[in-house]
Amino acid sequence: MESIKPAPIKPTISFDIYDKIDIRVGTIERVEDIPRSNKLVRFTVDFGDHKRKILAGIKQERENPKEVEGKQALFVVNLEPKKMMGEVSEGMLFDIGYPDNIMPVLAVPEKPVPNGTRLG
């Protein structure tokens, strides 16, 4: 396992701010290439009661981005939609490692849970 020097902890936030972040489990049903981008792919994610398109910059991180199809992961679902490369992302994938310059991995539940299950 790689070793890193942990970054300083970010400034303290209140529980009110934390409580506003909606993090849910979703299953990545489909991973599609965005040809004009050298970083982004489009996920179709099932959150139980609805599906969303979420863009993720994993194209250069994985030899085969489709290897995450069928996996559950954590997503922030209440960010305002963001347009990138002509596509709209309706959330954000939680992955671990990118800011620390290590090969990112998905943040996943330890065992399967219903899609839409909330963190917290």
PDB file of N, CA and C in Angstrom:
ATOM      1  N   MET A   1       0.846  -1.175   0.000  1.00  0.00           N
ATOM      2  CA  MET A   1       0.000   0.000   0.000  1.00  0.00           C
ATOM      3  C   MET A   1       0.887   1.233   0.000  1.00  0.00           C
ATOM      4  N   GLU A   2       0.459   2.237  -0.775  1.00  0.00           N
ATOM      5  CA  GLU A   2       1.206   3.493  -0.830  1.00  0.00           C
ATOM      6  C   GLU A   2       1.105   4.224   0.492  1.00  0.00           C
ATOM      7  N   SER A   3       2.087   5.059   0.731  1.00  0.00           N
ATOM      8  CA  SER A   3       2.084   5.893   1.917  1.00  0.00           C
ATOM      9  C   SER A   3       2.043   7.346   1.473  1.00  0.00           C
ATOM     10  N   ILE A   4       1.292   8.162   2.200  1.00  0.00           N
ATOM     11  CA  ILE A   4       1.209   9.578   1.877  1.00  0.00           C
ATOM     12  C   ILE A   4       1.426  10.390   3.151  1.00  0.00           C
ATOM     13  N   LYS A   5       1.754  11.650   2.959  1.00  0.00           N
ATOM     14  CA  LYS A   5       1.765  12.587   4.077  1.00  0.00           C
ATOM     15  C   LYS A   5       0.380  13.230   4.070  1.00  0.00           C
ATOM     16  N   PRO A   6      -0.453  12.930   5.074  1.00  0.00           N
ATOM     17  CA  PRO A   6      -1.809  13.468   5.062  1.00  0.00           C
ATOM     18  C   PRO A   6      -1.818  14.998   5.009  1.00  0.00           C
ATOM     19  N   ALA A   7      -2.735  15.523   4.224  1.00  0.00           N
ATOM     20  CA  ALA A   7      -2.922  16.971   4.107  1.00  0.00           C
ATOM     21  C   ALA A   7      -3.497  17.504   5.414  1.00  0.00           C
ATOM     22  N   PRO A   8      -3.310  18.789   5.676  1.00  0.00           N
ATOM     23  CA  PRO A   8      -3.942  19.377   6.865  1.00  0.00           C
ATOM     24  C   PRO A   8      -5.459  19.229   6.791  1.00  0.00           C
ATOM     25  N   ILE A   9      -6.085  19.106   7.931  1.00  0.00           N
ATOM     26  CA  ILE A   9      -7.541  19.008   7.995  1.00  0.00           C
ATOM     27  C   ILE A   9      -8.145  20.358   7.623  1.00  0.00           C
ATOM     28  N   LYS A  10      -9.197  20.310   6.820  1.00  0.00           N
ATOM     29  CA  LYS A  10      -9.870  21.539   6.388  1.00  0.00           C
ATOM     30  C   LYS A  10     -10.515  22.225   7.596  1.00  0.00           C
ATOM     31  N   PRO A  11     -10.871  23.513   7.430  1.00  0.00           N
ATOM     32  CA  PRO A  11     -11.499  24.236   8.546  1.00  0.00           C
ATOM     33  C   PRO A  11     -12.768  23.542   9.039  1.00  0.00           C
ATOM     34  N   THR A  12     -13.025  23.672  10.321  1.00  0.00           N
ATOM     35  CA  THR A  12     -14.200  23.093  10.957  1.00  0.00           C
ATOM     36  C   THR A  12     -15.473  23.700  10.359  1.00  0.00           C
ATOM     37  N   ILE A  13     -16.482  22.830  10.165  1.00  0.00           N
ATOM     38  CA  ILE A  13     -17.791  23.299   9.710  1.00  0.00           C
ATOM     39  C   ILE A  13     -18.818  22.932  10.776  1.00  0.00           C
ATOM     40  N   SER A  14     -19.951  23.591  10.746  1.00  0.00           N
ATOM     41  CA  SER A  14     -21.008  23.296  11.711  1.00  0.00           C
ATOM     42  C   SER A  14     -21.807  22.081  11.245  1.00  0.00           C
ATOM     43  N   PHE A  15     -22.527  21.469  12.186  1.00  0.00           N
ATOM     44  CA  PHE A  15     -23.393  20.351  11.826  1.00  0.00           C
ATOM     45  C   PHE A  15     -24.495  20.808  10.882  1.00  0.00           C
ATOM     46  N   ASP A  16     -24.904  22.079  10.972  1.00  0.00           N
ATOM     47  CA  ASP A  16     -25.921  22.600  10.056  1.00  0.00           C
ATOM     48  C   ASP A  16     -25.442  22.520   8.610  1.00  0.00           C
ATOM     49  N   ILE A  17     -24.178  22.864   8.383  1.00  0.00           N
ATOM     50  CA  ILE A  17     -23.620  22.782   7.025  1.00  0.00           C
ATOM     51  C   ILE A  17     -23.507  21.323   6.601  1.00  0.00           C
ATOM     52  N   TYR A  18     -22.960  20.477   7.450  1.00  0.00           N
ATOM     53  CA  TYR A  18     -22.831  19.046   7.138  1.00  0.00           C
ATOM     54  C   TYR A  18     -24.198  18.447   6.787  1.00  0.00           C
ATOM     55  N   ASP A  19     -25.212  18.824   7.564  1.00  0.00           N
ATOM     56  CA  ASP A  19     -26.548  18.263   7.383  1.00  0.00           C
ATOM     57  C   ASP A  19     -27.168  18.650   6.043  1.00  0.00           C
ATOM     58  N   LYS A  20     -26.650  19.687   5.391  1.00  0.00           N
ATOM     59  CA  LYS A  20     -27.176  20.120   4.092  1.00  0.00           C
ATOM     60  C   LYS A  20     -26.631  19.290   2.933  1.00  0.00           C
ATOM     61  N   ILE A  21     -25.554  18.546   3.150  1.00  0.00           N
ATOM     62  CA  ILE A  21     -24.958  17.748   2.080  1.00  0.00           C
ATOM     63  C   ILE A  21     -25.689  16.411   2.003  1.00  0.00           C
ATOM     64  N   ASP A  22     -26.257  16.114   0.852  1.00  0.00           N
ATOM     65  CA  ASP A  22     -27.032  14.883   0.653  1.00  0.00           C
ATOM     66  C   ASP A  22     -26.167  13.872  -0.097  1.00  0.00           C
ATOM     67  N   ILE A  23     -25.671  12.882   0.632  1.00  0.00           N
ATOM     68  CA  ILE A  23     -24.812  11.843   0.067  1.00  0.00           C
ATOM     69  C   ILE A  23     -25.599  10.545   0.079  1.00  0.00           C
ATOM     70  N   ARG A  24     -25.688   9.926  -1.095  1.00  0.00           N
ATOM     71  CA  ARG A  24     -26.475   8.701  -1.226  1.00  0.00           C
ATOM     72  C   ARG A  24     -25.723   7.615  -1.989  1.00  0.00           C
ATOM     73  N   VAL A  25     -26.151   6.395  -1.737  1.00  0.00           N
ATOM     74  CA  VAL A  25     -25.627   5.243  -2.458  1.00  0.00           C
ATOM     75  C   VAL A  25     -26.399   5.093  -3.759  1.00  0.00           C
ATOM     76  N   GLY A  26     -25.670   4.875  -4.834  1.00  0.00           N
ATOM     77  CA  GLY A  26     -26.289   4.590  -6.122  1.00  0.00           C
ATOM     78  C   GLY A  26     -25.500   3.500  -6.827  1.00  0.00           C
ATOM     79  N   THR A  27     -26.171   2.785  -7.706  1.00  0.00           N
ATOM     80  CA  THR A  27     -25.502   1.765  -8.513  1.00  0.00           C
ATOM     81  C   THR A  27     -25.187   2.353  -9.879  1.00  0.00           C
ATOM     82  N   ILE A  28     -23.940   2.241 -10.291  1.00  0.00           N
ATOM     83  CA  ILE A  28     -23.510   2.716 -11.603  1.00  0.00           C
ATOM     84  C   ILE A  28     -23.980   1.690 -12.634  1.00  0.00           C
ATOM     85  N   GLU A  29     -25.022   2.040 -13.367  1.00  0.00           N
ATOM     86  CA  GLU A  29     -25.594   1.107 -14.339  1.00  0.00           C
ATOM     87  C   GLU A  29     -24.847   1.111 -15.660  1.00  0.00           C
ATOM     88  N   ARG A  30     -24.389   2.296 -16.077  1.00  0.00           N
ATOM     89  CA  ARG A  30     -23.754   2.405 -17.383  1.00  0.00           C
ATOM     90  C   ARG A  30     -22.644   3.445 -17.316  1.00  0.00           C
ATOM     91  N   VAL A  31     -21.551   3.162 -18.009  1.00  0.00           N
ATOM     92  CA  VAL A  31     -20.451   4.113 -18.168  1.00  0.00           C
ATOM     93  C   VAL A  31     -20.289   4.347 -19.667  1.00  0.00           C
ATOM     94  N   GLU A  32     -20.411   5.623 -20.077  1.00  0.00           N
ATOM     95  CA  GLU A  32     -20.305   5.955 -21.497  1.00  0.00           C
ATOM     96  C   GLU A  32     -19.195   6.978 -21.706  1.00  0.00           C
ATOM     97  N   ASP A  33     -18.470   6.801 -22.769  1.00  0.00           N
ATOM     98  CA  ASP A  33     -17.389   7.708 -23.130  1.00  0.00           C
ATOM     99  C   ASP A  33     -17.954   9.053 -23.576  1.00  0.00           C
ATOM    100  N   ILE A  34     -17.265  10.115 -23.231  1.00  0.00           N
ATOM    101  CA  ILE A  34     -17.550  11.438 -23.787  1.00  0.00           C
ATOM    102  C   ILE A  34     -16.378  11.720 -24.723  1.00  0.00           C
ATOM    103  N   PRO A  35     -16.561  11.490 -26.023  1.00  0.00           N
ATOM    104  CA  PRO A  35     -15.449  11.516 -26.975  1.00  0.00           C
ATOM    105  C   PRO A  35     -14.646  12.820 -26.993  1.00  0.00           C
ATOM    106  N   ARG A  36     -15.289  13.945 -26.752  1.00  0.00           N
ATOM    107  CA  ARG A  36     -14.575  15.226 -26.818  1.00  0.00           C
ATOM    108  C   ARG A  36     -13.712  15.487 -25.585  1.00  0.00           C
ATOM    109  N   SER A  37     -13.817  14.640 -24.585  1.00  0.00           N
ATOM    110  CA  SER A  37     -13.082  14.852 -23.336  1.00  0.00           C
ATOM    111  C   SER A  37     -12.018  13.778 -23.149  1.00  0.00           C
ATOM    112  N   ASN A  38     -10.853  14.196 -22.647  1.00  0.00           N
ATOM    113  CA  ASN A  38      -9.824  13.195 -22.341  1.00  0.00           C
ATOM    114  C   ASN A  38      -9.887  12.761 -20.878  1.00  0.00           C
ATOM    115  N   LYS A  39     -10.857  13.281 -20.110  1.00  0.00           N
ATOM    116  CA  LYS A  39     -10.993  12.923 -18.697  1.00  0.00           C
ATOM    117  C   LYS A  39     -12.363  12.357 -18.339  1.00  0.00           C
ATOM    118  N   LEU A  40     -13.424  12.922 -18.923  1.00  0.00           N
ATOM    119  CA  LEU A  40     -14.778  12.639 -18.449  1.00  0.00           C
ATOM    120  C   LEU A  40     -15.431  11.425 -19.092  1.00  0.00           C
ATOM    121  N   VAL A  41     -16.221  10.724 -18.255  1.00  0.00           N
ATOM    122  CA  VAL A  41     -17.169   9.710 -18.716  1.00  0.00           C
ATOM    123  C   VAL A  41     -18.526  10.068 -18.115  1.00  0.00           C
ATOM    124  N   ARG A  42     -19.582   9.518 -18.714  1.00  0.00           N
ATOM    125  CA  ARG A  42     -20.936   9.747 -18.231  1.00  0.00           C
ATOM    126  C   ARG A  42     -21.435   8.477 -17.559  1.00  0.00           C
ATOM    127  N   PHE A  43     -21.817   8.606 -16.290  1.00  0.00           N
ATOM    128  CA  PHE A  43     -22.443   7.500 -15.574  1.00  0.00           C
ATOM    129  C   PHE A  43     -23.959   7.653 -15.651  1.00  0.00           C
ATOM    130  N   THR A  44     -24.667   6.544 -15.788  1.00  0.00           N
ATOM    131  CA  THR A  44     -26.089   6.490 -15.489  1.00  0.00           C
ATOM    132  C   THR A  44     -26.164   5.783 -14.150  1.00  0.00           C
ATOM    133  N   VAL A  45     -26.702   6.491 -13.139  1.00  0.00           N
ATOM    134  CA  VAL A  45     -26.692   5.977 -11.769  1.00  0.00           C
ATOM    135  C   VAL A  45     -28.126   5.789 -11.287  1.00  0.00           C
ATOM    136  N   ASP A  46     -28.409   4.605 -10.739  1.00  0.00           N
ATOM    137  CA  ASP A  46     -29.715   4.271 -10.186  1.00  0.00           C
ATOM    138  C   ASP A  46     -29.717   4.598  -8.693  1.00  0.00           C
ATOM    139  N   PHE A  47     -30.621   5.524  -8.288  1.00  0.00           N
ATOM    140  CA  PHE A  47     -30.767   5.891  -6.881  1.00  0.00           C
ATOM    141  C   PHE A  47     -32.052   5.332  -6.281  1.00  0.00           C
ATOM    142  N   GLY A  48     -32.592   4.285  -6.873  1.00  0.00           N
ATOM    143  CA  GLY A  48     -33.775   3.628  -6.326  1.00  0.00           C
ATOM    144  C   GLY A  48     -35.060   4.204  -6.872  1.00  0.00           C
ATOM    145  N   ASP A  49     -35.315   5.485  -6.599  1.00  0.00           N
ATOM    146  CA  ASP A  49     -36.553   6.101  -7.067  1.00  0.00           C
ATOM    147  C   ASP A  49     -36.361   6.919  -8.335  1.00  0.00           C
ATOM    148  N   HIS A  50     -35.106   7.071  -8.778  1.00  0.00           N
ATOM    149  CA  HIS A  50     -34.819   7.793 -10.014  1.00  0.00           C
ATOM    150  C   HIS A  50     -33.392   7.481 -10.470  1.00  0.00           C
ATOM    151  N   LYS A  51     -33.114   7.859 -11.709  1.00  0.00           N
ATOM    152  CA  LYS A  51     -31.774   7.701 -12.263  1.00  0.00           C
ATOM    153  C   LYS A  51     -31.244   9.071 -12.642  1.00  0.00           C
ATOM    154  N   ARG A  52     -29.915   9.211 -12.612  1.00  0.00           N
ATOM    155  CA  ARG A  52     -29.280  10.478 -12.976  1.00  0.00           C
ATOM    156  C   ARG A  52     -28.075  10.225 -13.859  1.00  0.00           C
ATOM    157  N   LYS A  53     -27.747  11.265 -14.631  1.00  0.00           N
ATOM    158  CA  LYS A  53     -26.500  11.291 -15.393  1.00  0.00           C
ATOM    159  C   LYS A  53     -25.490  12.069 -14.555  1.00  0.00           C
ATOM    160  N   ILE A  54     -24.371  11.442 -14.259  1.00  0.00           N
ATOM    161  CA  ILE A  54     -23.320  12.080 -13.471  1.00  0.00           C
ATOM    162  C   ILE A  54     -22.010  11.919 -14.220  1.00  0.00           C
ATOM    163  N   LEU A  55     -21.321  13.033 -14.433  1.00  0.00           N
ATOM    164  CA  LEU A  55     -20.031  13.002 -15.111  1.00  0.00           C
ATOM    165  C   LEU A  55     -18.933  12.794 -14.075  1.00  0.00           C
ATOM    166  N   ALA A  56     -17.951  11.998 -14.460  1.00  0.00           N
ATOM    167  CA  ALA A  56     -16.825  11.719 -13.559  1.00  0.00           C
ATOM    168  C   ALA A  56     -15.536  11.723 -14.375  1.00  0.00           C
ATOM    169  N   GLY A  57     -14.511  12.313 -13.826  1.00  0.00           N
ATOM    170  CA  GLY A  57     -13.225  12.418 -14.507  1.00  0.00           C
ATOM    171  C   GLY A  57     -12.337  11.226 -14.256  1.00  0.00           C
ATOM    172  N   ILE A  58     -12.798  10.041 -14.656  1.00  0.00           N
ATOM    173  CA  ILE A  58     -12.026   8.819 -14.363  1.00  0.00           C
ATOM    174  C   ILE A  58     -11.360   8.208 -15.594  1.00  0.00           C
ATOM    175  N   LYS A  59     -11.493   8.845 -16.739  1.00  0.00           N
ATOM    176  CA  LYS A  59     -10.994   8.245 -17.980  1.00  0.00           C
ATOM    177  C   LYS A  59      -9.487   7.962 -17.931  1.00  0.00           C
ATOM    178  N   GLN A  60      -8.710   8.869 -17.350  1.00  0.00           N
ATOM    179  CA  GLN A  60      -7.258   8.668 -17.292  1.00  0.00           C
ATOM    180  C   GLN A  60      -6.836   7.859 -16.068  1.00  0.00           C
ATOM    181  N   GLU A  61      -7.750   7.635 -15.134  1.00  0.00           N
ATOM    182  CA  GLU A  61      -7.433   6.922 -13.903  1.00  0.00           C
ATOM    183  C   GLU A  61      -7.556   5.414 -14.039  1.00  0.00           C
ATOM    184  N   ARG A  62      -8.265   4.965 -15.038  1.00  0.00           N
ATOM    185  CA  ARG A  62      -8.543   3.534 -15.189  1.00  0.00           C
ATOM    186  C   ARG A  62      -8.307   3.103 -16.628  1.00  0.00           C
ATOM    187  N   GLU A  63      -7.704   1.958 -16.772  1.00  0.00           N
ATOM    188  CA  GLU A  63      -7.492   1.422 -18.108  1.00  0.00           C
ATOM    189  C   GLU A  63      -8.835   1.168 -18.791  1.00  0.00           C
ATOM    190  N   ASN A  64      -9.811   0.679 -18.004  1.00  0.00           N
ATOM    191  CA  ASN A  64     -11.145   0.408 -18.528  1.00  0.00           C
ATOM    192  C   ASN A  64     -12.184   1.020 -17.586  1.00  0.00           C
ATOM    193  N   PRO A  65     -12.649   2.250 -17.852  1.00  0.00           N
ATOM    194  CA  PRO A  65     -13.631   2.875 -16.969  1.00  0.00           C
ATOM    195  C   PRO A  65     -14.913   2.061 -16.786  1.00  0.00           C
ATOM    196  N   LYS A  66     -15.236   1.199 -17.769  1.00  0.00           N
ATOM    197  CA  LYS A  66     -16.455   0.392 -17.658  1.00  0.00           C
ATOM    198  C   LYS A  66     -16.374  -0.644 -16.537  1.00  0.00           C
ATOM    199  N   GLU A  67     -15.191  -0.837 -15.954  1.00  0.00           N
ATOM    200  CA  GLU A  67     -15.053  -1.830 -14.888  1.00  0.00           C
ATOM    201  C   GLU A  67     -15.870  -1.460 -13.639  1.00  0.00           C
ATOM    202  N   VAL A  68     -16.345  -0.213 -13.535  1.00  0.00           N
ATOM    203  CA  VAL A  68     -17.146   0.179 -12.369  1.00  0.00           C
ATOM    204  C   VAL A  68     -18.648  -0.023 -12.602  1.00  0.00           C
ATOM    205  N   GLU A  69     -19.034  -0.434 -13.813  1.00  0.00           N
ATOM    206  CA  GLU A  69     -20.448  -0.717 -14.064  1.00  0.00           C
ATOM    207  C   GLU A  69     -20.915  -1.815 -13.115  1.00  0.00           C
ATOM    208  N   GLY A  70     -22.100  -1.606 -12.542  1.00  0.00           N
ATOM    209  CA  GLY A  70     -22.672  -2.586 -11.619  1.00  0.00           C
ATOM    210  C   GLY A  70     -22.247  -2.389 -10.175  1.00  0.00           C
ATOM    211  N   LYS A  71     -21.329  -1.476  -9.927  1.00  0.00           N
ATOM    212  CA  LYS A  71     -20.855  -1.242  -8.553  1.00  0.00           C
ATOM    213  C   LYS A  71     -21.659  -0.143  -7.886  1.00  0.00           C
ATOM    214  N   GLN A  72     -21.845  -0.300  -6.583  1.00  0.00           N
ATOM    215  CA  GLN A  72     -22.426   0.771  -5.793  1.00  0.00           C
ATOM    216  C   GLN A  72     -21.322   1.728  -5.383  1.00  0.00           C
ATOM    217  N   ALA A  73     -21.679   3.006  -5.252  1.00  0.00           N
ATOM    218  CA  ALA A  73     -20.729   4.025  -4.815  1.00  0.00           C
ATOM    219  C   ALA A  73     -21.498   5.139  -4.130  1.00  0.00           C
ATOM    220  N   LEU A  74     -20.753   6.057  -3.527  1.00  0.00           N
ATOM    221  CA  LEU A  74     -21.346   7.214  -2.865  1.00  0.00           C
ATOM    222  C   LEU A  74     -21.319   8.415  -3.796  1.00  0.00           C
ATOM    223  N   PHE A  75     -22.410   9.179  -3.784  1.00  0.00           N
ATOM    224  CA  PHE A  75     -22.564  10.354  -4.638  1.00  0.00           C
ATOM    225  C   PHE A  75     -23.178  11.499  -3.844  1.00  0.00           C
ATOM    226  N   VAL A  76     -22.732  12.723  -4.119  1.00  0.00           N
ATOM    227  CA  VAL A  76     -23.417  13.915  -3.623  1.00  0.00           C
ATOM    228  C   VAL A  76     -24.518  14.206  -4.637  1.00  0.00           C
ATOM    229  N   VAL A  77     -25.767  14.244  -4.165  1.00  0.00           N
ATOM    230  CA  VAL A  77     -26.892  14.380  -5.100  1.00  0.00           C
ATOM    231  C   VAL A  77     -27.578  15.740  -5.055  1.00  0.00           C
ATOM    232  N   ASN A  78     -27.136  16.628  -4.162  1.00  0.00           N
ATOM    233  CA  ASN A  78     -27.821  17.921  -4.103  1.00  0.00           C
ATOM    234  C   ASN A  78     -26.918  19.096  -4.482  1.00  0.00           C
ATOM    235  N   LEU A  79     -25.916  18.846  -5.294  1.00  0.00           N
ATOM    236  CA  LEU A  79     -25.156  19.942  -5.888  1.00  0.00           C
ATOM    237  C   LEU A  79     -25.955  20.501  -7.060  1.00  0.00           C
ATOM    238  N   GLU A  80     -25.792  21.785  -7.334  1.00  0.00           N
ATOM    239  CA  GLU A  80     -26.478  22.324  -8.506  1.00  0.00           C
ATOM    240  C   GLU A  80     -25.886  21.666  -9.752  1.00  0.00           C
ATOM    241  N   PRO A  81     -26.724  21.409 -10.765  1.00  0.00           N
ATOM    242  CA  PRO A  81     -26.214  20.789 -11.991  1.00  0.00           C
ATOM    243  C   PRO A  81     -25.062  21.611 -12.577  1.00  0.00           C
ATOM    244  N   LYS A  82     -24.089  20.904 -13.145  1.00  0.00           N
ATOM    245  CA  LYS A  82     -22.920  21.576 -13.714  1.00  0.00           C
ATOM    246  C   LYS A  82     -22.725  21.118 -15.153  1.00  0.00           C
ATOM    247  N   LYS A  83     -22.539  22.085 -16.047  1.00  0.00           N
ATOM    248  CA  LYS A  83     -22.333  21.778 -17.461  1.00  0.00           C
ATOM    249  C   LYS A  83     -20.837  21.667 -17.727  1.00  0.00           C
ATOM    250  N   MET A  84     -20.444  20.540 -18.330  1.00  0.00           N
ATOM    251  CA  MET A  84     -19.053  20.287 -18.701  1.00  0.00           C
ATOM    252  C   MET A  84     -19.036  19.612 -20.062  1.00  0.00           C
ATOM    253  N   MET A  85     -18.208  20.105 -20.961  1.00  0.00           N
ATOM    254  CA  MET A  85     -18.067  19.509 -22.292  1.00  0.00           C
ATOM    255  C   MET A  85     -19.420  19.322 -22.980  1.00  0.00           C
ATOM    256  N   GLY A  86     -20.318  20.281 -22.790  1.00  0.00           N
ATOM    257  CA  GLY A  86     -21.626  20.218 -23.428  1.00  0.00           C
ATOM    258  C   GLY A  86     -22.603  19.262 -22.774  1.00  0.00           C
ATOM    259  N   GLU A  87     -22.225  18.653 -21.673  1.00  0.00           N
ATOM    260  CA  GLU A  87     -23.071  17.697 -20.945  1.00  0.00           C
ATOM    261  C   GLU A  87     -23.396  18.280 -19.580  1.00  0.00           C
ATOM    262  N   VAL A  88     -24.510  17.861 -18.987  1.00  0.00           N
ATOM    263  CA  VAL A  88     -24.887  18.319 -17.653  1.00  0.00           C
ATOM    264  C   VAL A  88     -24.708  17.175 -16.658  1.00  0.00           C
ATOM    265  N   SER A  89     -23.985  17.459 -15.585  1.00  0.00           N
ATOM    266  CA  SER A  89     -23.796  16.487 -14.510  1.00  0.00           C
ATOM    267  C   SER A  89     -24.767  16.818 -13.389  1.00  0.00           C
ATOM    268  N   GLU A  90     -25.485  15.792 -12.912  1.00  0.00           N
ATOM    269  CA  GLU A  90     -26.515  15.974 -11.890  1.00  0.00           C
ATOM    270  C   GLU A  90     -26.071  15.450 -10.526  1.00  0.00           C
ATOM    271  N   GLY A  91     -24.797  15.568 -10.221  1.00  0.00           N
ATOM    272  CA  GLY A  91     -24.274  15.105  -8.945  1.00  0.00           C
ATOM    273  C   GLY A  91     -22.772  14.950  -9.037  1.00  0.00           C
ATOM    274  N   MET A  92     -22.190  14.358  -7.982  1.00  0.00           N
ATOM    275  CA  MET A  92     -20.743  14.180  -7.952  1.00  0.00           C
ATOM    276  C   MET A  92     -20.403  12.835  -7.320  1.00  0.00           C
ATOM    277  N   LEU A  93     -19.534  12.106  -7.984  1.00  0.00           N
ATOM    278  CA  LEU A  93     -19.014  10.851  -7.457  1.00  0.00           C
ATOM    279  C   LEU A  93     -18.058  11.140  -6.310  1.00  0.00           C
ATOM    280  N   PHE A  94     -18.166  10.379  -5.236  1.00  0.00           N
ATOM    281  CA  PHE A  94     -17.152  10.411  -4.183  1.00  0.00           C
ATOM    282  C   PHE A  94     -16.094   9.398  -4.565  1.00  0.00           C
ATOM    283  N   ASP A  95     -14.877   9.861  -4.739  1.00  0.00           N
ATOM    284  CA  ASP A  95     -13.791   8.898  -4.867  1.00  0.00           C
ATOM    285  C   ASP A  95     -12.682   9.313  -3.914  1.00  0.00           C
ATOM    286  N   ILE A  96     -11.799   8.399  -3.652  1.00  0.00           N
ATOM    287  CA  ILE A  96     -10.779   8.580  -2.625  1.00  0.00           C
ATOM    288  C   ILE A  96      -9.416   8.588  -3.280  1.00  0.00           C
ATOM    289  N   GLY A  97      -8.597   9.585  -2.965  1.00  0.00           N
ATOM    290  CA  GLY A  97      -7.209   9.579  -3.391  1.00  0.00           C
ATOM    291  C   GLY A  97      -6.790  10.660  -4.354  1.00  0.00           C
ATOM    292  N   TYR A  98      -7.710  11.161  -5.184  1.00  0.00           N
ATOM    293  CA  TYR A  98      -7.325  12.108  -6.229  1.00  0.00           C
ATOM    294  C   TYR A  98      -6.558  13.314  -5.701  1.00  0.00           C
ATOM    295  N   PRO A  99      -7.048  14.013  -4.653  1.00  0.00           N
ATOM    296  CA  PRO A  99      -6.312  15.197  -4.187  1.00  0.00           C
ATOM    297  C   PRO A  99      -4.951  14.857  -3.578  1.00  0.00           C
ATOM    298  N   ASP A 100      -4.737  13.589  -3.240  1.00  0.00           N
ATOM    299  CA  ASP A 100      -3.467  13.172  -2.650  1.00  0.00           C
ATOM    300  C   ASP A 100      -2.520  12.549  -3.676  1.00  0.00           C
ATOM    301  N   ASN A 101      -2.901  12.692  -4.957  1.00  0.00           N
ATOM    302  CA  ASN A 101      -2.060  12.202  -6.062  1.00  0.00           C
ATOM    303  C   ASN A 101      -1.811  10.704  -6.021  1.00  0.00           C
ATOM    304  N   ILE A 102      -2.825   9.944  -5.574  1.00  0.00           N
ATOM    305  CA  ILE A 102      -2.737   8.495  -5.690  1.00  0.00           C
ATOM    306  C   ILE A 102      -3.878   8.041  -6.599  1.00  0.00           C
ATOM    307  N   MET A 103      -3.760   6.865  -7.154  1.00  0.00           N
ATOM    308  CA  MET A 103      -4.779   6.357  -8.059  1.00  0.00           C
ATOM    309  C   MET A 103      -6.111   6.262  -7.318  1.00  0.00           C
ATOM    310  N   PRO A 104      -7.120   7.041  -7.722  1.00  0.00           N
ATOM    311  CA  PRO A 104      -8.390   7.064  -6.993  1.00  0.00           C
ATOM    312  C   PRO A 104      -9.124   5.727  -7.002  1.00  0.00           C
ATOM    313  N   VAL A 105      -9.869   5.513  -5.933  1.00  0.00           N
ATOM    314  CA  VAL A 105     -10.746   4.358  -5.785  1.00  0.00           C
ATOM    315  C   VAL A 105     -12.126   4.869  -5.401  1.00  0.00           C
ATOM    316  N   LEU A 106     -13.152   4.084  -5.682  1.00  0.00           N
ATOM    317  CA  LEU A 106     -14.511   4.469  -5.325  1.00  0.00           C
ATOM    318  C   LEU A 106     -14.720   4.385  -3.819  1.00  0.00           C
ATOM    319  N   ALA A 107     -15.523   5.291  -3.276  1.00  0.00           N
ATOM    320  CA  ALA A 107     -16.011   5.186  -1.902  1.00  0.00           C
ATOM    321  C   ALA A 107     -17.277   4.332  -1.983  1.00  0.00           C
ATOM    322  N   VAL A 108     -17.226   3.148  -1.368  1.00  0.00           N
ATOM    323  CA  VAL A 108     -18.313   2.181  -1.520  1.00  0.00           C
ATOM    324  C   VAL A 108     -18.794   1.675  -0.165  1.00  0.00           C
ATOM    325  N   PRO A 109     -20.068   1.266  -0.085  1.00  0.00           N
ATOM    326  CA  PRO A 109     -20.532   0.634   1.156  1.00  0.00           C
ATOM    327  C   PRO A 109     -19.846  -0.723   1.334  1.00  0.00           C
ATOM    328  N   GLU A 110     -19.657  -1.151   2.573  1.00  0.00           N
ATOM    329  CA  GLU A 110     -18.962  -2.411   2.833  1.00  0.00           C
ATOM    330  C   GLU A 110     -19.756  -3.630   2.381  1.00  0.00           C
ATOM    331  N   LYS A 111     -21.086  -3.482   2.280  1.00  0.00           N
ATOM    332  CA  LYS A 111     -21.934  -4.543   1.732  1.00  0.00           C
ATOM    333  C   LYS A 111     -23.077  -3.867   0.986  1.00  0.00           C
ATOM    334  N   PRO A 112     -23.753  -4.581   0.096  1.00  0.00           N
ATOM    335  CA  PRO A 112     -24.833  -3.958  -0.671  1.00  0.00           C
ATOM    336  C   PRO A 112     -25.930  -3.408   0.242  1.00  0.00           C
ATOM    337  N   VAL A 113     -26.420  -2.226  -0.126  1.00  0.00           N
ATOM    338  CA  VAL A 113     -27.548  -1.585   0.553  1.00  0.00           C
ATOM    339  C   VAL A 113     -28.501  -1.093  -0.525  1.00  0.00           C
ATOM    340  N   PRO A 114     -29.740  -0.781  -0.166  1.00  0.00           N
ATOM    341  CA  PRO A 114     -30.675  -0.290  -1.187  1.00  0.00           C
ATOM    342  C   PRO A 114     -30.181   1.011  -1.824  1.00  0.00           C
ATOM    343  N   ASN A 115     -30.340   1.127  -3.144  1.00  0.00           N
ATOM    344  CA  ASN A 115     -30.005   2.380  -3.816  1.00  0.00           C
ATOM    345  C   ASN A 115     -30.816   3.498  -3.209  1.00  0.00           C
ATOM    346  N   GLY A 116     -30.181   4.651  -3.021  1.00  0.00           N
ATOM    347  CA  GLY A 116     -30.837   5.798  -2.423  1.00  0.00           C
ATOM    348  C   GLY A 116     -30.575   5.921  -0.933  1.00  0.00           C
ATOM    349  N   THR A 117     -29.949   4.901  -0.310  1.00  0.00           N
ATOM    350  CA  THR A 117     -29.630   4.980   1.119  1.00  0.00           C
ATOM    351  C   THR A 117     -28.731   6.181   1.369  1.00  0.00           C
ATOM    352  N   ARG A 118     -29.049   6.941   2.425  1.00  0.00           N
ATOM    353  CA  ARG A 118     -28.331   8.176   2.724  1.00  0.00           C
ATOM    354  C   ARG A 118     -27.190   7.951   3.703  1.00  0.00           C
ATOM    355  N   LEU A 119     -26.165   8.768   3.565  1.00  0.00           N
ATOM    356  CA  LEU A 119     -25.056   8.794   4.491  1.00  0.00           C
ATOM    357  C   LEU A 119     -25.441   9.683   5.655  1.00  0.00           C
ATOM    358  N   GLY A 120     -24.993   9.318   6.843  1.00  0.00           N
ATOM    359  CA  GLY A 120     -25.220  10.224   7.963  1.00  0.00           C
ATOM    360  C   GLY A 120     -25.806   9.612   9.169  1.00  0.00           C
TER     361      GLY A 120
END
